[in-house]
Protein backbone atom coordinates (compact mmCIF):
# COMPACT_ATOMS: atom_id res chain seq x y z
CA MET A 1 136.23 104.47 142.59
CA SER A 2 134.90 104.72 138.79
CA ARG A 3 132.31 105.78 137.16
CA PHE A 4 129.30 103.80 137.46
CA GLY A 5 126.89 103.19 134.26
CA ARG A 6 127.09 101.63 131.64
CA ARG A 7 130.44 100.93 130.59
CA ARG A 8 132.28 99.21 127.83
CA SER A 9 135.15 97.94 129.81
CA ASP A 10 134.57 93.93 130.91
CA TYR A 11 134.62 92.80 134.52
CA LEU A 12 138.20 92.35 134.69
CA ALA A 13 139.33 96.20 133.38
CA THR A 14 136.34 97.43 135.75
CA THR A 15 137.50 96.01 138.83
CA MET A 16 140.86 96.64 138.09
CA GLU A 17 140.85 100.00 137.30
CA ALA A 18 139.83 100.73 141.16
CA VAL A 19 142.50 98.56 142.09
CA ARG A 20 144.75 101.07 140.55
CA ALA A 21 143.47 103.34 141.60
CA ALA A 22 143.86 102.59 145.03
CA LEU A 23 147.19 101.30 144.86
CA ALA A 24 148.68 104.05 142.79
CA THR A 25 149.83 106.35 145.62
CA ALA A 26 149.88 103.47 148.80
CA ASP A 27 153.15 101.75 150.16
CA ARG A 28 152.80 98.62 148.55
CA ALA A 29 155.05 96.68 150.78
CA ARG A 30 152.57 97.39 153.49
CA VAL A 31 149.61 96.04 152.29
CA ARG A 32 149.41 92.79 153.80
CA ASP A 33 145.91 91.39 152.66
CA ILE A 34 143.42 92.53 149.98
CA TYR A 35 139.10 91.39 150.09
CA LEU A 36 137.72 91.47 146.98
CA ALA A 37 133.55 91.92 146.30
CA SER A 38 131.62 90.89 143.90
CA TYR A 39 127.80 89.48 144.48
CA ALA A 40 127.44 87.28 140.76
CA PRO A 41 129.71 87.64 138.45
CA ALA A 42 129.62 83.40 137.95
CA ASP A 43 126.22 83.94 137.05
CA LEU A 44 126.28 87.30 135.61
CA CYS A 45 129.45 87.53 133.08
CA ARG A 46 129.87 83.62 132.67
CA ILE A 47 133.33 82.97 134.68
CA GLU A 48 134.36 80.49 136.11
CA ASN A 49 136.46 81.48 138.34
CA PRO A 50 136.19 85.22 139.29
CA PHE A 51 138.24 85.60 142.61
CA GLY A 52 141.36 83.28 140.78
CA LEU A 53 141.06 85.84 137.73
CA VAL A 54 140.71 89.26 139.80
CA ALA A 55 143.99 87.51 142.25
CA GLY A 56 146.39 86.42 139.22
CA ALA A 57 145.53 90.34 137.82
CA ILE A 58 146.73 92.14 140.25
CA ALA A 59 149.68 89.98 141.45
CA SER A 60 150.76 90.12 137.18
CA GLU A 61 150.11 93.66 137.28
CA PHE A 62 151.67 94.40 141.01
CA PRO A 63 154.27 91.94 141.66
CA ASP A 64 155.75 93.54 144.31
CA LEU A 65 152.60 92.91 146.47
CA ARG A 66 153.71 90.16 149.00
CA CYS A 67 149.96 89.93 150.98
CA GLY A 68 146.63 86.66 151.24
CA TYR A 69 143.73 87.11 148.98
CA HIS A 70 139.86 87.34 150.71
CA GLY A 71 136.97 86.61 149.23
CA LEU A 72 135.04 86.69 147.11
CA PHE A 73 132.55 88.29 149.49
CA LYS A 74 129.11 89.40 148.20
CA THR A 75 129.01 92.57 149.01
CA GLY A 76 131.49 95.23 149.89
CA ALA A 77 129.79 95.36 152.61
CA ASP A 78 130.42 92.50 154.01
CA ALA A 79 134.05 92.52 152.71
CA LEU A 80 134.20 95.45 154.95
CA HIS A 81 133.20 94.63 158.06
CA ARG A 82 135.45 91.26 157.14
CA ALA A 83 138.56 93.51 156.75
CA LEU A 84 138.11 95.94 160.21
CA VAL A 85 137.61 92.76 162.36
CA ALA A 86 140.33 91.44 161.23
CA MET A 87 142.31 94.10 161.68
CA GLY A 88 141.10 94.71 165.51
CA GLY A 89 140.34 97.76 167.27
CA GLY A 90 141.01 98.94 171.02
CA SER A 91 142.93 96.58 172.64
CA GLN A 92 142.30 93.29 170.19
CA ALA A 93 144.58 95.90 167.82
CA GLY A 94 144.97 92.53 165.08
CA PRO A 95 148.20 92.04 162.78
CA GLU A 96 150.07 94.93 161.51
CA GLY A 97 149.69 96.39 158.15
CA ASP A 98 147.44 98.31 155.36
CA VAL A 99 144.04 95.84 153.69
CA LEU A 100 142.96 97.02 150.53
CA VAL A 101 138.85 96.24 150.11
CA VAL A 102 137.70 96.72 146.28
CA GLY A 103 134.03 95.95 145.47
CA ALA A 104 132.90 95.06 141.84
CA GLU A 105 130.47 94.22 139.50
CA LYS A 106 129.42 94.36 135.01
CA MET A 107 125.75 94.12 134.48
CA THR A 108 124.64 95.88 132.03
CA HIS A 109 125.81 93.73 129.36
CA LEU A 110 122.48 92.33 130.02
CA ASP A 111 118.46 92.58 129.19
CA PRO A 112 117.97 94.09 132.83
CA PRO A 113 114.88 91.32 132.73
CA VAL A 114 117.13 88.81 132.33
CA ALA A 115 119.43 90.41 134.98
CA ALA A 116 116.59 90.77 137.66
CA GLY A 117 115.67 87.29 136.92
CA LEU A 118 119.72 85.95 137.72
CA LEU A 119 120.08 88.10 140.94
CA SER A 120 116.70 86.76 142.09
CA ALA A 121 117.71 83.08 141.57
CA ARG A 122 121.19 83.57 143.36
CA GLU A 123 119.01 85.77 146.08
CA ASN A 124 116.41 83.08 147.58
CA PRO A 125 115.83 80.14 145.43
CA HIS A 126 112.84 79.01 147.45
CA ASP A 127 110.82 82.55 146.85
CA ARG A 128 111.91 82.58 143.33
CA ALA A 129 110.49 79.41 142.36
CA TYR A 130 106.96 81.63 143.46
CA GLY A 131 108.03 83.88 140.68
CA ALA A 132 109.06 86.19 143.47
CA THR A 133 111.88 88.55 141.95
CA LEU A 134 113.44 91.38 144.03
CA PRO A 135 111.03 93.82 142.41
CA ALA A 136 108.56 92.30 143.30
CA LEU A 137 109.13 91.67 147.17
CA GLY A 138 110.33 94.73 147.61
CA ALA A 139 106.64 96.01 145.54
CA LEU A 140 105.18 93.33 148.66
CA VAL A 141 107.66 95.34 151.84
CA THR A 142 106.39 99.06 150.09
CA ARG A 143 102.34 98.64 149.76
CA ALA A 144 102.24 97.19 153.01
CA TYR A 145 104.48 100.13 154.15
CA LEU A 146 102.55 102.48 152.95
CA ARG A 147 99.48 101.00 153.91
CA GLU A 148 100.58 100.93 157.34
CA PHE A 149 101.21 103.97 158.40
CA ASP A 150 98.93 105.64 155.24
CA ILE A 151 101.87 107.12 153.37
CA PRO A 152 101.02 108.52 150.07
CA GLU A 153 103.20 107.29 146.70
CA THR A 154 103.87 110.59 146.10
CA ALA A 155 106.21 109.78 149.47
CA LEU A 156 108.14 107.98 147.05
CA HIS A 157 108.26 110.19 144.29
CA LEU A 158 110.15 112.68 146.81
CA VAL A 159 112.98 110.64 147.56
CA ALA A 160 113.57 110.00 143.71
CA VAL A 161 113.34 113.71 143.12
CA LYS A 162 116.39 114.11 145.78
CA ASN A 163 118.64 111.69 145.02
CA HIS A 164 118.25 112.47 141.50
CA ARG A 165 118.70 116.36 142.29
CA HIS A 166 121.84 114.83 144.55
CA GLY A 167 123.06 112.30 141.14
CA ALA A 168 123.26 115.81 139.33
CA MET A 169 126.42 116.33 140.91
CA ASN A 170 128.79 113.96 141.29
CA PRO A 171 130.41 112.81 138.37
CA HIS A 172 130.97 108.85 138.81
CA ALA A 173 127.14 108.93 138.96
CA GLN A 174 125.20 106.60 136.08
CA PHE A 175 122.39 109.57 135.86
CA ARG A 176 123.11 113.10 135.94
CA ARG A 177 119.87 114.11 134.97
CA GLU A 178 117.23 115.95 137.59
CA VAL A 179 113.97 114.26 137.45
CA THR A 180 110.42 115.28 138.53
CA VAL A 181 107.37 114.74 140.85
CA GLU A 182 105.61 114.19 137.89
CA GLU A 183 107.80 112.18 135.18
CA VAL A 184 108.58 109.85 138.51
CA ALA A 185 104.87 109.18 138.32
CA GLU A 186 104.40 108.47 134.88
CA SER A 187 107.32 106.04 134.86
CA PRO A 188 106.46 102.56 134.02
CA LEU A 189 105.15 100.39 136.91
CA ILE A 190 107.54 97.40 137.59
CA ALA A 191 106.19 95.96 140.30
CA ASP A 192 103.00 97.72 141.89
CA PRO A 193 103.39 100.19 143.59
CA LEU A 194 106.72 100.42 142.53
CA ARG A 195 107.88 102.22 139.14
CA ARG A 196 111.00 102.85 137.05
CA LEU A 197 112.04 105.64 138.93
CA HIS A 198 111.67 103.86 142.02
CA CYS A 199 114.20 101.36 141.69
CA ALA A 200 117.85 101.24 141.17
CA PRO A 201 119.26 100.47 137.62
CA ILE A 202 121.45 97.24 136.96
CA SER A 203 124.85 99.21 136.08
CA ASP A 204 128.96 98.68 136.26
CA GLY A 205 131.32 99.81 138.60
CA ALA A 206 133.86 99.33 140.67
CA ALA A 207 135.37 100.99 144.47
CA SER A 208 138.04 100.52 146.42
CA LEU A 209 139.06 101.56 150.13
CA LEU A 210 142.48 100.93 151.56
CA LEU A 211 142.14 100.59 155.56
CA THR A 212 145.71 102.03 157.62
CA ARG A 213 146.12 102.72 161.28
CA GLY A 214 146.72 105.69 162.73
CA ALA A 215 147.25 107.96 159.33
CA GLY A 216 144.27 110.57 160.86
CA GLY A 217 142.09 112.46 158.35
CA VAL A 218 139.22 110.05 157.89
CA ALA A 219 138.75 106.64 160.61
CA PHE A 220 136.30 103.72 160.84
CA ILE A 221 135.14 104.42 164.13
CA GLY A 222 132.10 102.01 164.95
CA TRP A 223 130.76 99.24 162.70
CA GLY A 224 127.67 97.14 162.97
CA LYS A 225 126.26 93.42 161.29
CA GLY A 226 122.37 92.16 161.84
CA ALA A 227 120.83 89.25 160.47
CA ASP A 228 117.32 88.55 160.43
CA THR A 229 115.62 85.44 158.55
CA ARG A 230 115.71 85.06 154.45
CA LEU A 231 112.36 84.34 153.56
CA PHE A 232 109.70 86.84 154.06
CA GLN A 233 107.14 84.00 155.42
CA ASP A 234 108.87 83.00 158.43
CA ARG A 235 109.42 87.42 159.34
CA ASN A 236 107.20 89.12 161.60
CA ASP A 237 106.66 92.19 159.63
CA ILE A 238 107.62 92.32 156.28
CA THR A 239 107.71 96.69 156.87
CA ARG A 240 110.14 96.14 159.01
CA PHE A 241 114.14 95.54 158.45
CA ALA A 242 115.32 94.05 161.83
CA ALA A 243 119.24 93.19 159.90
CA THR A 244 119.56 97.25 159.73
CA ALA A 245 118.54 98.29 163.43
CA ARG A 246 120.60 95.36 164.34
CA ALA A 247 123.80 96.90 163.27
CA THR A 248 122.67 100.57 163.69
CA ARG A 249 122.46 99.52 167.29
CA GLY A 250 125.95 97.62 167.15
CA SER A 251 127.89 100.50 165.10
CA LEU A 252 126.59 102.98 167.41
CA GLU A 253 127.59 101.55 170.77
CA TYR A 254 131.15 100.99 169.10
CA ALA A 255 131.44 104.45 168.19
CA GLY A 256 129.77 105.83 171.36
CA VAL A 257 127.86 108.40 169.62
CA THR A 258 124.18 108.78 169.00
CA ASN A 259 122.26 109.46 166.04
CA GLU A 260 121.63 113.11 166.69
CA ASP A 261 125.72 113.13 165.83
CA ILE A 262 125.60 112.50 162.63
CA GLY A 263 125.35 114.88 160.17
CA VAL A 264 125.49 113.00 156.60
CA VAL A 265 124.43 109.77 155.89
CA GLU A 266 124.28 107.26 152.54
CA ILE A 267 121.60 104.62 152.85
CA HIS A 268 120.37 101.70 150.98
CA ASP A 269 118.08 102.45 148.06
CA ALA A 270 117.45 99.95 145.99
CA PHE A 271 114.01 100.81 146.02
CA SER A 272 112.54 104.72 147.27
CA SER A 273 110.75 103.30 149.80
CA PHE A 274 114.02 101.11 151.31
CA GLU A 275 115.81 104.93 152.04
CA LEU A 276 112.93 105.89 154.20
CA ILE A 277 112.31 101.95 156.07
CA ASN A 278 115.80 102.47 156.90
CA LEU A 279 115.87 105.80 158.50
CA GLU A 280 113.88 105.16 160.77
CA GLU A 281 114.88 101.05 161.34
CA MET A 282 118.31 103.63 161.96
CA GLY A 283 116.64 105.43 164.69
CA PHE A 284 116.48 108.57 162.89
CA TYR A 285 112.77 109.29 162.89
CA PRO A 286 109.67 107.46 164.60
CA ARG A 287 108.24 104.83 162.56
CA GLY A 288 106.31 106.42 159.45
CA MET A 289 107.56 109.61 160.19
CA SER A 290 111.06 109.64 157.27
CA TRP A 291 108.75 111.16 154.32
CA ARG A 292 107.84 114.31 156.60
CA ALA A 293 110.85 114.78 156.74
CA LEU A 294 111.16 114.54 153.26
CA GLN A 295 108.29 116.28 152.18
CA GLY A 296 110.01 119.21 153.93
CA GLY A 297 113.33 119.51 153.03
CA ASP A 298 115.69 118.33 155.83
CA LEU A 299 116.66 115.38 153.90
CA GLY A 300 118.80 116.97 151.34
CA VAL A 301 122.91 118.26 151.30
CA GLY A 302 121.71 121.57 153.37
CA GLY A 303 119.26 120.29 155.73
CA LYS A 304 119.34 119.19 158.92
CA LEU A 305 120.27 115.33 157.78
CA ALA A 306 121.87 114.90 154.32
CA VAL A 307 120.79 111.62 152.84
CA ASN A 308 122.31 109.97 150.45
CA PRO A 309 124.71 112.88 149.03
CA SER A 310 126.29 110.72 146.36
CA GLY A 311 122.73 110.22 144.44
CA GLY A 312 121.95 107.28 146.25
CA MET A 313 121.66 103.95 144.25
CA LYS A 314 119.23 105.03 142.39
CA ALA A 315 120.66 108.16 140.77
CA LYS A 316 124.35 106.52 141.28
CA GLY A 317 124.54 103.77 139.97
CA HIS A 318 123.78 99.71 141.23
CA PRO A 319 126.33 98.09 140.99
CA ILE A 320 126.17 95.34 143.98
CA GLY A 321 129.72 94.31 144.70
CA ALA A 322 130.82 97.89 144.83
CA CYS A 323 127.69 99.73 146.64
CA GLY A 324 128.38 99.60 150.05
CA ILE A 325 132.02 100.63 149.46
CA SER A 326 131.20 103.49 147.35
CA SER A 327 128.83 105.01 149.81
CA CYS A 328 132.25 104.50 152.00
CA VAL A 329 134.19 106.69 149.29
CA GLU A 330 131.29 109.71 149.62
CA ILE A 331 131.52 109.88 152.74
CA PHE A 332 134.58 110.34 152.69
CA GLN A 333 134.58 113.24 150.43
CA GLN A 334 131.74 114.66 152.69
CA LEU A 335 133.75 114.61 155.67
CA THR A 336 136.98 115.56 154.40
CA GLY A 337 134.96 118.86 152.94
CA SER A 338 135.74 117.71 149.41
CA ALA A 339 132.04 116.76 147.41
CA GLY A 340 131.95 119.81 145.39
CA GLU A 341 128.71 120.89 144.83
CA ARG A 342 127.06 118.27 146.76
CA GLN A 343 129.41 119.18 150.37
CA HIS A 344 127.10 118.85 152.82
CA ASN A 345 127.94 121.69 155.47
CA SER A 346 130.82 120.33 157.24
CA PRO A 347 129.94 116.98 158.97
CA SER A 348 132.23 115.60 161.19
CA LEU A 349 130.38 111.83 160.97
CA GLY A 350 128.63 109.77 158.50
CA MET A 351 127.32 107.42 158.22
CA VAL A 352 126.83 103.87 155.54
CA GLN A 353 123.94 101.72 156.12
CA SER A 354 124.14 98.95 153.05
CA VAL A 355 122.08 95.83 152.74
CA GLY A 356 122.49 91.94 151.29
CA GLY A 357 119.33 90.95 149.47
CA VAL A 358 115.61 92.44 150.89
CA SER A 359 117.41 93.36 153.65
CA ASP A 360 118.15 89.86 156.01
CA GLU A 361 121.77 90.93 156.00
CA SER A 362 122.95 94.42 157.35
CA PHE A 363 126.09 96.31 158.20
CA VAL A 364 126.59 100.15 159.36
CA PHE A 365 129.41 102.59 159.79
CA ILE A 366 130.61 105.10 161.44
CA MET A 367 133.28 107.23 159.78
CA GLU A 368 134.62 110.50 162.05
CA THR A 369 136.91 113.52 160.64
CA ASP A 370 139.53 115.03 163.42
């Protein structure tokens, strides 16, 4: 993966950085498919045909590739899930060959309010018509969640503090600076009760995975997908992320493991409250109780369950199309003992959870080391 943050490189150059890194040591004769992910390059970068632009650049730079191109899928997790399903598993193995999955986004050339408006309009035009930006919807979820379980707002501060502490140890992170509870509490209000330091930033960045069969090392042993209604008014309970729960059940069943087997997890935290809610929907903690584990120090590197050792989207950065793939990069490093300062014990199983929108679609992947 590239460094996340504010990049001088344009959209294509940022994407190709991840492509080159993946193909540099690959047996390119084995690569049969490339899956491309990017949420909104047409809207954010005014690129008329982003899929054609990237596919053409790859084909031009690597003329020895003889592969199919797929996409653009709106998130890296979506692209990865499709690639794994296409490759097959167990008795339904797909065609032979390696698969490259690449995700990228270029966002920081726009003012944050402009970027937020473009993203909200793309995600849910109906809610957007009533002024509901993604931070506003996140705030509705957060306020209802805090109220239902009588959780103090300081719980949100602790999520940000932990993730910035982890991000400070990640050379690829956008924010490599620790923050205090007081700094978080005093940061500007974005959408009550969410403050700036509760919200993931807009970011540039790219990440890639090369999938192959039988290579040893780290393997995907389970994956699942869940969906929910996009319109908040149609949800039974806006404090629940049903898509995450469904995706988690599917991935655990596929892998034949339980939550207790997982040692490290990368989780969606576009807003700090989402980390807590997703942990509960994934079955790690009862509803309304994950913040207690955080308060006790259980969710940091070296704790009972390392959550977002990369710094999460909050500190690592939030280039939408690359997020799910970059989380897999982090779990790969954790499972191979190559995470440096942020290495968490010696996990043998890790999990990645990634969503599209405000959890109307969720993906969960389980990775294992030999």
